[in-house]
Protein backbone atom coordinates (compact mmCIF):
# COMPACT_ATOMS: atom_id res chain seq x y z
CA MET A 1 185.20 141.36 108.36
CA ILE A 2 181.63 141.75 107.15
CA ASN A 3 181.12 142.20 103.43
CA ALA A 4 179.25 145.52 103.27
CA LEU A 5 177.60 144.83 99.91
CA GLY A 6 176.46 141.42 101.15
CA LEU A 7 174.93 143.09 104.19
CA LEU A 8 173.04 145.53 101.98
CA LYS A 9 171.67 142.65 99.93
CA GLU A 10 170.96 140.35 102.88
CA ARG A 11 169.23 142.95 105.00
CA ARG A 12 167.31 144.32 102.06
CA PHE A 13 168.72 147.82 102.51
CA LEU A 14 169.71 148.04 98.86
CA PRO A 15 166.27 149.11 97.52
CA LEU A 16 166.02 151.82 100.17
CA PHE A 17 169.60 152.93 99.58
CA ALA A 18 169.02 153.09 95.81
CA THR A 19 165.80 155.02 96.34
CA GLN A 20 167.48 157.60 98.53
CA ALA A 21 170.53 157.92 96.29
CA LEU A 22 168.52 158.29 93.08
CA GLY A 23 166.09 160.66 94.75
CA ALA A 24 168.88 162.88 96.05
CA PHE A 25 170.69 162.80 92.71
CA ASN A 26 167.49 163.60 90.84
CA ASP A 27 166.34 166.34 93.16
CA ASN A 28 169.59 168.12 93.77
CA LEU A 29 171.42 167.90 90.48
CA PHE A 30 168.88 167.90 87.68
CA LYS A 31 166.24 170.14 89.22
CA ASN A 32 168.70 172.79 90.30
CA ALA A 33 170.59 172.67 87.01
CA LEU A 34 167.37 173.10 85.06
CA ILE A 35 166.17 175.94 87.28
CA PHE A 36 169.50 177.76 87.00
CA PHE A 37 169.46 177.29 83.25
CA ALA A 38 165.90 178.58 83.02
CA THR A 39 166.55 181.46 85.37
CA TYR A 40 169.66 182.75 83.64
CA GLN A 41 169.10 181.70 80.03
CA ILE A 42 165.43 181.31 79.09
CA TYR A 43 163.09 183.57 81.01
CA ASN A 44 163.19 187.31 81.49
CA ASP A 45 159.95 187.37 83.48
CA ILE A 46 160.17 186.67 87.23
CA GLU A 47 156.63 185.26 87.33
CA ALA A 48 157.40 182.77 84.53
CA GLU A 49 160.60 181.77 86.31
CA THR A 50 158.65 181.10 89.54
CA ARG A 51 156.04 178.99 87.73
CA PHE A 52 158.73 177.06 85.89
CA SER A 53 160.62 176.41 89.14
CA ALA A 54 157.49 175.02 90.81
CA ILE A 55 156.71 172.75 87.85
CA ALA A 56 160.31 171.56 87.59
CA THR A 57 160.38 170.75 91.29
CA GLY A 58 157.24 168.64 90.95
CA ILE A 59 158.51 166.82 87.89
CA PHE A 60 161.87 166.00 89.40
CA ILE A 61 160.50 164.87 92.76
CA LEU A 62 158.01 162.50 91.10
CA PRO A 63 160.64 159.80 90.35
CA PHE A 64 161.65 159.85 94.03
CA PHE A 65 158.09 158.94 95.02
CA LEU A 66 157.93 156.28 92.31
CA PHE A 67 161.23 154.72 93.46
CA SER A 68 159.99 154.83 97.06
CA ALA A 69 156.83 152.98 96.05
CA LEU A 70 158.89 150.41 94.17
CA ALA A 71 161.15 149.87 97.20
CA GLY A 72 158.06 149.38 99.36
CA GLN A 73 156.67 146.81 96.94
CA LEU A 74 159.98 144.94 96.89
CA ASP A 75 160.01 144.93 100.67
CA ALA A 76 156.44 143.64 100.86
CA ALA A 77 157.22 140.92 98.32
CA ALA A 78 160.13 139.75 100.46
CA GLY A 79 157.86 139.15 103.44
CA ALA A 80 155.64 141.21 105.69
CA ASP A 81 157.61 140.22 108.78
CA GLY A 82 160.90 141.54 107.34
CA HIS A 83 162.54 138.11 107.26
CA GLY A 84 162.08 137.30 103.60
CA PRO A 85 159.94 134.63 102.07
CA ALA A 86 158.94 131.69 104.22
CA ILE A 87 161.38 128.77 104.20
CA GLU A 88 159.81 125.37 103.70
CA LEU A 89 161.16 122.64 105.99
CA ASP A 90 160.66 118.98 105.22
CA ASP A 91 159.56 116.53 107.91
CA SER A 92 163.10 115.52 108.89
CA ASP A 93 164.15 119.18 109.27
CA ALA A 94 161.05 119.90 111.33
CA GLU A 95 161.83 116.93 113.57
CA LEU A 96 165.40 118.16 113.95
CA MET A 97 164.04 121.60 114.84
CA ARG A 98 161.73 120.09 117.48
CA CYS A 99 164.74 118.36 119.05
CA LEU A 100 166.57 121.71 119.15
CA ILE A 101 163.60 123.35 120.84
CA LYS A 102 163.62 120.65 123.53
CA GLY A 103 167.24 121.64 124.23
CA LEU A 104 168.70 118.26 123.30
CA THR A 105 172.42 117.89 122.68
CA ASN A 106 173.79 116.47 119.44
CA ALA A 107 174.30 113.09 121.13
CA GLU A 108 170.69 113.05 122.40
CA ILE A 109 169.37 114.08 118.98
CA ALA A 110 171.45 111.32 117.35
CA ARG A 111 170.05 108.77 119.79
CA ASP A 112 166.42 109.92 119.34
CA LEU A 113 166.60 110.08 115.54
CA GLY A 114 168.79 106.99 115.09
CA MET A 115 171.64 108.89 113.48
CA ASP A 116 175.36 109.31 113.93
CA GLU A 117 176.39 112.32 116.01
CA THR A 118 178.56 113.74 113.19
CA ALA A 119 175.59 113.44 110.82
CA VAL A 120 173.50 115.43 113.31
CA ALA A 121 176.17 118.15 113.47
CA ARG A 122 176.33 118.30 109.65
CA ARG A 123 172.54 118.44 109.29
CA LEU A 124 172.32 121.17 111.94
CA ALA A 125 174.95 123.23 110.10
CA GLU A 126 173.01 122.79 106.83
CA LEU A 127 169.74 123.71 108.55
CA PHE A 128 171.27 126.80 110.16
CA ALA A 129 172.61 127.93 106.77
CA ARG A 130 169.26 127.37 105.05
CA ILE A 131 167.25 129.34 107.62
CA GLY A 132 169.88 132.05 108.03
CA THR A 133 170.85 131.43 111.62
CA SER A 134 174.15 130.63 113.28
CA SER A 135 173.18 129.17 116.66
CA ARG A 136 170.67 126.91 118.40
CA ALA A 137 169.09 129.92 120.10
CA GLU A 138 168.55 131.73 116.78
CA ALA A 139 167.16 128.55 115.22
CA THR A 140 164.75 128.14 118.14
CA ALA A 141 163.60 131.74 117.78
CA PHE A 142 163.16 131.14 114.04
CA ALA A 143 161.05 128.05 114.75
CA PHE A 144 158.69 129.95 117.02
CA ARG A 145 158.52 132.98 114.74
CA GLU A 146 157.80 130.92 111.62
CA GLY A 147 155.40 128.53 113.37
CA VAL A 148 157.47 125.38 112.93
CA VAL A 149 156.45 124.20 116.41
């Protein structure tokens, strides 16, 4: 079963979720409570109540826009392509990635790189974990997308 909180963090939905939740909480609870308080307790003039309601609405919606801007900045800092910051691969990882792109099997990669086949399987598993993929096809797509090839 997928860990829902992990998915929020991994997919970078958490800043957007927090923005929406805080914006809704701010807008609906505080603004309306203040307007009801002002309407029934403070003002006896309908024009003053209307002005106060408009000002209160503006003040309480402002944090929503600020949180939205912050979420956008966090998203941009994570990477313009939506895949997070670029992952640096060393020369051996890049060579392993090139073998994957050629469609070589673990045995063929082991032969070409002068390694044991179990070492190739272990290094592939480590590489997949580091780049956030779970298959050769995803790793190949990652290589093309990130310009490894």
